[in-house]
Amino acid sequence: MLRPAERELSRSRAAICLFGAALVFGTAAKARGQGPYSVPRAAEPQVEISVGRTAGSPWRLTVDPAEQRVMVRHTRYPGLEMDIDADGPEDDRRYEGITVVREGNRLEGTLYGNTVPFLSPDHDAGRTRFLRVQALDENLRVRFDGGSYRQLSAVGPDLPVFFEVIFFFDREHRLNGVMNGLYYCFPRASGSRVTVTSRQQEVMREFHPTTKKGYEYFEQIVKVEVKDPVYGDFRLEGLIERLQLESHGGQNAQVFEIDLDHAYKDRGQKEVLLRFQLMAPFTPVVSEGRVMPSRESGRVR
């Protein structure tokens, strides 16, 4: 970390990373306190952003250090963008996380006057300290680190909580992500239908603007399927020891919450490893009369 005097002279630093250049930016950011979302958060230290890209990767990264954001594009799928926000809502009324943008449609919504992205790290754990975005050949790796497990559980270790996604396209041109850590998903409460499949049963819930504020828990979940009239259909597959679905009430939020941190808070599951998939394919660019193929990956490098 730079000393305060050095930070004033230089607000960014460059470092060499394996197969790419990493840019690390430090700017003053505001902070987060423990929820709920209706309570303002306190001042936070800087967030460190690091980006890197291998030669030939179709993912393109642009960093805005002043806004604490990384913008992502894909050369073969021009209809996809990502807006990755590193800091909290105090300066721009936007929570940290990953907003997927499909054909100009931003997968995000309002929550108590702030905007929350589609995928977000665990806000209850504490402030985000590091954001790393790496374009590794066909994969895009995004990782948030910050806070502490002890903020979520009195017996938890005083170690940073992480949320990591490795995005890739499959052979059917669908966007996939291998997600791990503790995190949230915020679909729209616009008549969305959620099917929750456990090892014992399958249940369905619907969320509308008129859905009352409340929450419900489910045990040992292996699949969550969402039919969202705004975002389109998507699914989560893996093992969630305990899942919370929460409605914040139509007057306070456009979104409802798929909350995965109760797997740790209540059941001790520190890493919720899921495969995420947007069901509708993206349109690839056409080169010399042929659709450019998509090479399915998803390997952790």
Protein backbone atom coordinates (compact mmCIF):
# COMPACT_ATOMS: atom_id res chain seq x y z
CA MET A 1 0.00 0.00 0.00
CA LEU A 2 1.19 3.52 -0.75
CA ARG A 3 1.80 5.88 2.13
CA PRO A 4 -0.68 8.80 2.29
CA ALA A 5 1.82 11.31 0.89
CA GLU A 6 2.68 9.02 -2.00
CA ARG A 7 -0.98 8.36 -2.73
CA GLU A 8 -1.58 12.07 -3.27
CA LEU A 9 1.21 12.20 -5.86
CA SER A 10 0.13 9.07 -7.71
CA ARG A 11 -3.42 7.71 -7.79
CA SER A 12 -2.66 4.64 -9.84
CA ARG A 13 0.14 2.14 -10.17
CA ALA A 14 0.97 -0.49 -12.76
CA ALA A 15 2.26 -3.97 -12.06
CA ILE A 16 3.28 -6.77 -14.37
CA CYS A 17 1.09 -9.89 -14.16
CA LEU A 18 1.56 -13.31 -15.75
CA PHE A 19 0.32 -13.12 -19.35
CA GLY A 20 -0.99 -9.58 -18.91
CA ALA A 21 -0.64 -6.16 -17.37
CA ALA A 22 -2.34 -5.44 -14.08
CA LEU A 23 -3.48 -1.91 -13.33
CA VAL A 24 -4.09 -1.09 -9.71
CA PHE A 25 -6.03 2.01 -8.82
CA GLY A 26 -6.55 3.57 -5.42
CA THR A 27 -9.13 6.30 -4.98
CA ALA A 28 -11.08 7.56 -2.05
CA ALA A 29 -14.31 5.60 -1.72
CA LYS A 30 -17.08 5.65 0.77
CA ALA A 31 -18.05 2.71 2.84
CA ARG A 32 -20.42 0.25 3.92
CA GLY A 33 -21.88 -0.69 7.23
CA GLN A 34 -23.88 -3.72 8.14
CA GLY A 35 -27.33 -3.87 6.52
CA PRO A 36 -30.18 -3.32 6.23
CA TYR A 37 -30.22 -1.57 2.87
CA SER A 38 -32.39 1.26 4.20
CA VAL A 39 -29.60 2.39 6.59
CA PRO A 40 -26.77 4.60 5.19
CA ARG A 41 -23.29 3.12 5.37
CA ALA A 42 -20.22 4.70 6.97
CA ALA A 43 -17.02 5.88 5.27
CA GLU A 44 -14.75 3.15 3.90
CA PRO A 45 -11.10 2.98 2.84
CA GLN A 46 -10.04 2.78 -0.78
CA VAL A 47 -10.87 -0.17 -3.04
CA GLU A 48 -7.97 -1.60 -4.99
CA ILE A 49 -8.76 -2.60 -8.58
CA SER A 50 -6.51 -4.92 -10.57
CA VAL A 51 -7.08 -5.90 -14.22
CA GLY A 52 -5.18 -8.14 -16.60
CA ARG A 53 -5.64 -9.72 -20.02
CA THR A 54 -3.91 -12.48 -21.98
CA ALA A 55 -2.96 -11.82 -25.60
CA GLY A 56 -5.71 -12.90 -27.97
CA SER A 57 -8.50 -12.99 -25.41
CA PRO A 58 -11.86 -11.89 -26.87
CA TRP A 59 -12.70 -10.06 -23.63
CA ARG A 60 -11.92 -6.33 -23.61
CA LEU A 61 -11.51 -4.40 -20.34
CA THR A 62 -11.74 -0.65 -19.71
CA VAL A 63 -11.05 0.77 -16.25
CA ASP A 64 -12.56 4.00 -14.90
CA PRO A 65 -10.58 4.66 -11.70
CA ALA A 66 -12.56 7.78 -10.81
CA GLU A 67 -15.86 5.87 -10.85
CA GLN A 68 -14.27 2.68 -9.43
CA ARG A 69 -15.60 0.61 -12.34
CA VAL A 70 -14.44 -1.89 -14.93
CA MET A 71 -16.36 -2.08 -18.21
CA VAL A 72 -16.23 -5.35 -20.16
CA ARG A 73 -16.99 -6.21 -23.79
CA HIS A 74 -16.63 -9.36 -25.90
CA THR A 75 -15.40 -9.14 -29.50
CA ARG A 76 -17.49 -12.10 -30.71
CA TYR A 77 -20.67 -11.16 -28.84
CA PRO A 78 -21.26 -7.40 -29.31
CA GLY A 79 -24.66 -7.64 -27.61
CA LEU A 80 -22.98 -8.36 -24.25
CA GLU A 81 -21.46 -5.81 -21.90
CA MET A 82 -20.67 -5.91 -18.20
CA ASP A 83 -20.44 -3.00 -15.78
CA ILE A 84 -18.47 -4.08 -12.70
CA ASP A 85 -18.67 -1.66 -9.77
CA ALA A 86 -16.06 -1.90 -7.02
CA ASP A 87 -17.39 0.45 -4.35
CA GLY A 88 -20.59 1.14 -2.45
CA PRO A 89 -23.58 3.44 -3.09
CA GLU A 90 -22.49 6.49 -1.12
CA ASP A 91 -20.86 8.34 -4.03
CA ASP A 92 -23.01 7.16 -6.95
CA ARG A 93 -25.99 5.35 -5.34
CA ARG A 94 -24.81 2.04 -6.84
CA TYR A 95 -23.87 -1.06 -4.87
CA GLU A 96 -20.78 -3.04 -5.77
CA GLY A 97 -21.24 -6.01 -8.06
CA ILE A 98 -21.69 -7.15 -11.67
CA THR A 99 -24.34 -5.68 -13.95
CA VAL A 100 -24.79 -7.79 -17.09
CA VAL A 101 -25.99 -5.68 -20.04
CA ARG A 102 -27.78 -7.54 -22.81
CA GLU A 103 -28.58 -5.62 -25.99
CA GLY A 104 -28.66 -2.44 -23.90
CA ASN A 105 -30.91 -3.95 -21.22
CA ARG A 106 -29.18 -3.60 -17.86
CA LEU A 107 -29.71 -6.47 -15.45
CA GLU A 108 -30.09 -4.42 -12.28
CA GLY A 109 -32.77 -2.66 -10.24
CA THR A 110 -33.46 -0.22 -7.42
CA LEU A 111 -33.37 -1.09 -3.73
CA TYR A 112 -34.21 1.62 -1.15
CA GLY A 113 -33.27 4.36 -3.62
CA ASN A 114 -29.96 2.78 -4.65
CA THR A 115 -29.18 0.55 -7.63
CA VAL A 116 -28.14 -3.05 -7.05
CA PRO A 117 -26.49 -5.13 -9.80
CA PHE A 118 -27.65 -8.56 -10.89
CA LEU A 119 -24.79 -10.31 -9.04
CA SER A 120 -23.26 -8.85 -5.90
CA PRO A 121 -20.74 -9.80 -3.20
CA ASP A 122 -21.92 -10.25 0.39
CA HIS A 123 -22.71 -6.76 1.74
CA ASP A 124 -23.18 -7.97 5.32
CA ALA A 125 -19.59 -9.23 5.54
CA GLY A 126 -18.11 -5.73 5.36
CA ARG A 127 -16.46 -3.47 2.82
CA THR A 128 -14.91 -4.66 -0.44
CA ARG A 129 -11.15 -4.09 -0.39
CA PHE A 130 -10.04 -5.71 -3.66
CA LEU A 131 -11.57 -6.22 -7.10
CA ARG A 132 -9.69 -8.30 -9.65
CA VAL A 133 -10.83 -8.70 -13.27
CA GLN A 134 -8.82 -10.96 -15.59
CA ALA A 135 -9.44 -11.85 -19.23
CA LEU A 136 -7.85 -15.31 -19.44
CA ASP A 137 -8.27 -16.57 -23.01
CA GLU A 138 -11.94 -17.63 -23.31
CA ASN A 139 -12.65 -17.01 -19.61
CA LEU A 140 -13.38 -13.80 -17.74
CA ARG A 141 -12.54 -14.04 -14.04
CA VAL A 142 -14.05 -11.52 -11.61
CA ARG A 143 -13.23 -11.65 -7.90
CA PHE A 144 -14.26 -9.47 -4.97
CA ASP A 145 -12.49 -9.76 -1.58
CA GLY A 146 -13.31 -7.91 1.62
CA GLY A 147 -15.00 -7.89 4.98
CA SER A 148 -14.69 -10.83 7.34
CA TYR A 149 -16.43 -14.13 8.03
CA ARG A 150 -16.59 -13.01 11.65
CA GLN A 151 -19.08 -10.32 10.60
CA LEU A 152 -21.40 -13.10 9.46
CA SER A 153 -20.84 -15.54 12.31
CA ALA A 154 -19.47 -15.06 15.84
CA VAL A 155 -17.37 -18.21 15.39
CA GLY A 156 -16.17 -17.32 11.90
CA PRO A 157 -12.50 -16.64 11.14
CA ASP A 158 -11.29 -13.07 10.78
CA LEU A 159 -10.46 -13.61 7.11
CA PRO A 160 -11.73 -11.83 3.96
CA VAL A 161 -14.93 -13.08 2.36
CA PHE A 162 -14.69 -13.63 -1.39
CA PHE A 163 -17.06 -13.82 -4.35
CA GLU A 164 -15.63 -15.10 -7.63
CA VAL A 165 -17.18 -15.75 -11.05
CA ILE A 166 -15.57 -17.26 -14.12
CA PHE A 167 -17.68 -16.33 -17.16
CA PHE A 168 -17.59 -18.12 -20.52
CA PHE A 169 -19.82 -18.89 -23.52
CA ASP A 170 -20.92 -22.45 -24.28
CA ARG A 171 -21.35 -24.01 -27.73
CA GLU A 172 -24.96 -22.77 -27.87
CA HIS A 173 -23.74 -19.17 -27.38
CA ARG A 174 -25.23 -18.92 -23.89
CA LEU A 175 -23.46 -16.97 -21.16
CA ASN A 176 -22.35 -19.20 -18.28
CA GLY A 177 -20.63 -18.48 -15.02
CA VAL A 178 -18.98 -20.73 -12.43
CA MET A 179 -19.62 -18.85 -9.17
CA ASN A 180 -18.06 -19.48 -5.77
CA GLY A 181 -17.95 -17.83 -2.35
CA LEU A 182 -20.78 -15.90 -0.68
CA TYR A 183 -22.98 -13.60 -2.76
CA TYR A 184 -26.44 -12.42 -3.80
CA CYS A 185 -28.51 -12.46 -6.98
CA PHE A 186 -31.12 -9.72 -7.57
CA PRO A 187 -33.74 -10.57 -10.25
CA ARG A 188 -36.63 -8.22 -11.01
CA ALA A 189 -39.87 -8.51 -9.01
CA SER A 190 -41.96 -8.08 -12.16
CA GLY A 191 -43.96 -11.27 -12.19
CA SER A 192 -40.85 -13.43 -11.92
CA ARG A 193 -41.39 -17.11 -11.18
CA VAL A 194 -38.79 -18.98 -9.12
CA THR A 195 -38.63 -22.78 -8.97
CA VAL A 196 -36.51 -24.07 -6.08
CA THR A 197 -35.49 -27.74 -6.26
CA SER A 198 -34.12 -29.47 -3.18
CA ARG A 199 -33.14 -33.08 -2.62
CA GLN A 200 -36.64 -33.72 -1.29
CA GLN A 201 -39.04 -31.49 -3.23
CA GLU A 202 -39.68 -28.76 -5.77
CA VAL A 203 -41.53 -25.55 -4.90
CA MET A 204 -42.49 -22.46 -6.90
CA ARG A 205 -42.77 -18.83 -5.79
CA GLU A 206 -43.72 -15.65 -7.66
CA PHE A 207 -42.56 -12.09 -7.05
CA HIS A 208 -44.54 -9.02 -8.13
CA PRO A 209 -44.37 -5.30 -7.35
CA THR A 210 -47.22 -5.92 -4.89
CA THR A 211 -45.46 -8.80 -3.07
CA LYS A 212 -45.24 -7.95 0.62
CA LYS A 213 -41.94 -7.62 2.43
CA GLY A 214 -40.81 -10.94 3.87
CA TYR A 215 -38.46 -13.89 3.48
CA GLU A 216 -38.47 -17.68 3.30
CA TYR A 217 -35.79 -20.36 3.80
CA PHE A 218 -35.10 -23.58 1.89
CA GLU A 219 -32.73 -26.42 2.77
CA GLN A 220 -30.24 -28.41 0.63
CA ILE A 221 -31.06 -26.81 -2.70
CA VAL A 222 -29.60 -28.27 -5.89
CA LYS A 223 -31.24 -26.02 -8.52
CA VAL A 224 -32.87 -22.58 -8.74
CA GLU A 225 -34.66 -21.69 -11.99
CA VAL A 226 -35.94 -18.16 -12.60
CA LYS A 227 -38.34 -17.01 -15.31
CA ASP A 228 -37.79 -13.27 -15.32
CA PRO A 229 -39.81 -11.16 -17.80
CA VAL A 230 -37.13 -8.44 -17.72
CA TYR A 231 -33.87 -10.43 -17.57
CA GLY A 232 -35.02 -13.58 -19.32
CA ASP A 233 -34.73 -17.11 -17.95
CA PHE A 234 -31.67 -18.23 -16.00
CA ARG A 235 -30.69 -21.05 -13.66
CA LEU A 236 -28.32 -21.78 -10.80
CA GLU A 237 -27.14 -25.36 -10.23
CA GLY A 238 -24.98 -26.79 -7.44
CA LEU A 239 -25.49 -27.31 -3.72
CA ILE A 240 -26.83 -24.61 -1.40
CA GLU A 241 -27.13 -25.84 2.18
CA ARG A 242 -29.56 -23.02 3.05
CA LEU A 243 -31.18 -20.51 0.69
CA GLN A 244 -33.11 -17.36 1.54
CA LEU A 245 -35.62 -15.74 -0.83
CA GLU A 246 -36.47 -12.22 0.27
CA SER A 247 -38.96 -9.61 -0.91
CA HIS A 248 -38.23 -6.04 0.10
CA GLY A 249 -41.72 -4.78 -0.77
CA GLY A 250 -42.77 -3.07 -3.99
CA GLN A 251 -42.44 0.48 -2.69
CA ASN A 252 -38.83 -0.07 -1.67
CA ALA A 253 -37.45 -2.22 -4.49
CA GLN A 254 -37.74 -3.28 -8.12
CA VAL A 255 -35.87 -6.49 -7.26
CA PHE A 256 -36.14 -9.46 -4.95
CA GLU A 257 -33.21 -11.24 -3.37
CA ILE A 258 -31.71 -14.70 -3.82
CA ASP A 259 -29.50 -14.65 -0.72
CA LEU A 260 -26.75 -17.27 -0.49
CA ASP A 261 -24.91 -16.09 2.62
CA HIS A 262 -27.31 -17.91 4.96
CA ALA A 263 -25.64 -21.10 3.76
CA TYR A 264 -22.70 -19.88 5.85
CA LYS A 265 -24.49 -17.90 8.58
CA ASP A 266 -26.80 -20.80 9.48
CA ARG A 267 -25.09 -23.93 8.11
CA GLY A 268 -21.36 -23.13 7.95
CA GLN A 269 -21.01 -23.45 4.15
CA LYS A 270 -18.23 -20.95 3.34
CA GLU A 271 -18.15 -21.60 -0.41
CA VAL A 272 -21.34 -21.87 -2.45
CA LEU A 273 -20.17 -23.29 -5.77
CA LEU A 274 -22.83 -22.90 -8.49
CA ARG A 275 -23.06 -22.88 -12.26
CA PHE A 276 -25.00 -19.90 -13.56
CA GLN A 277 -26.53 -19.91 -17.05
CA LEU A 278 -28.56 -17.36 -19.01
CA MET A 279 -30.82 -19.58 -21.08
CA ALA A 280 -31.32 -17.40 -24.18
CA PRO A 281 -28.29 -17.43 -26.51
CA PHE A 282 -26.42 -14.32 -27.59
CA THR A 283 -25.94 -13.55 -31.29
CA PRO A 284 -22.32 -13.98 -32.36
CA VAL A 285 -20.70 -11.84 -35.05
CA VAL A 286 -20.55 -13.26 -38.57
CA SER A 287 -17.15 -13.50 -40.27
CA GLU A 288 -16.94 -14.18 -44.03
CA GLY A 289 -20.45 -15.60 -44.12
CA ARG A 290 -19.87 -17.93 -41.16
CA VAL A 291 -20.92 -17.61 -37.55
CA MET A 292 -17.79 -17.55 -35.44
CA PRO A 293 -17.77 -20.59 -33.13
CA SER A 294 -17.85 -20.37 -29.37
CA ARG A 295 -15.32 -22.50 -27.52
CA GLU A 296 -16.77 -23.70 -24.23
CA SER A 297 -14.32 -23.33 -21.41
CA GLY A 298 -14.89 -22.55 -17.75
CA ARG A 299 -11.64 -24.11 -16.56
CA VAL A 300 -10.04 -22.50 -13.56
CA ARG A 301 -6.54 -21.43 -14.55
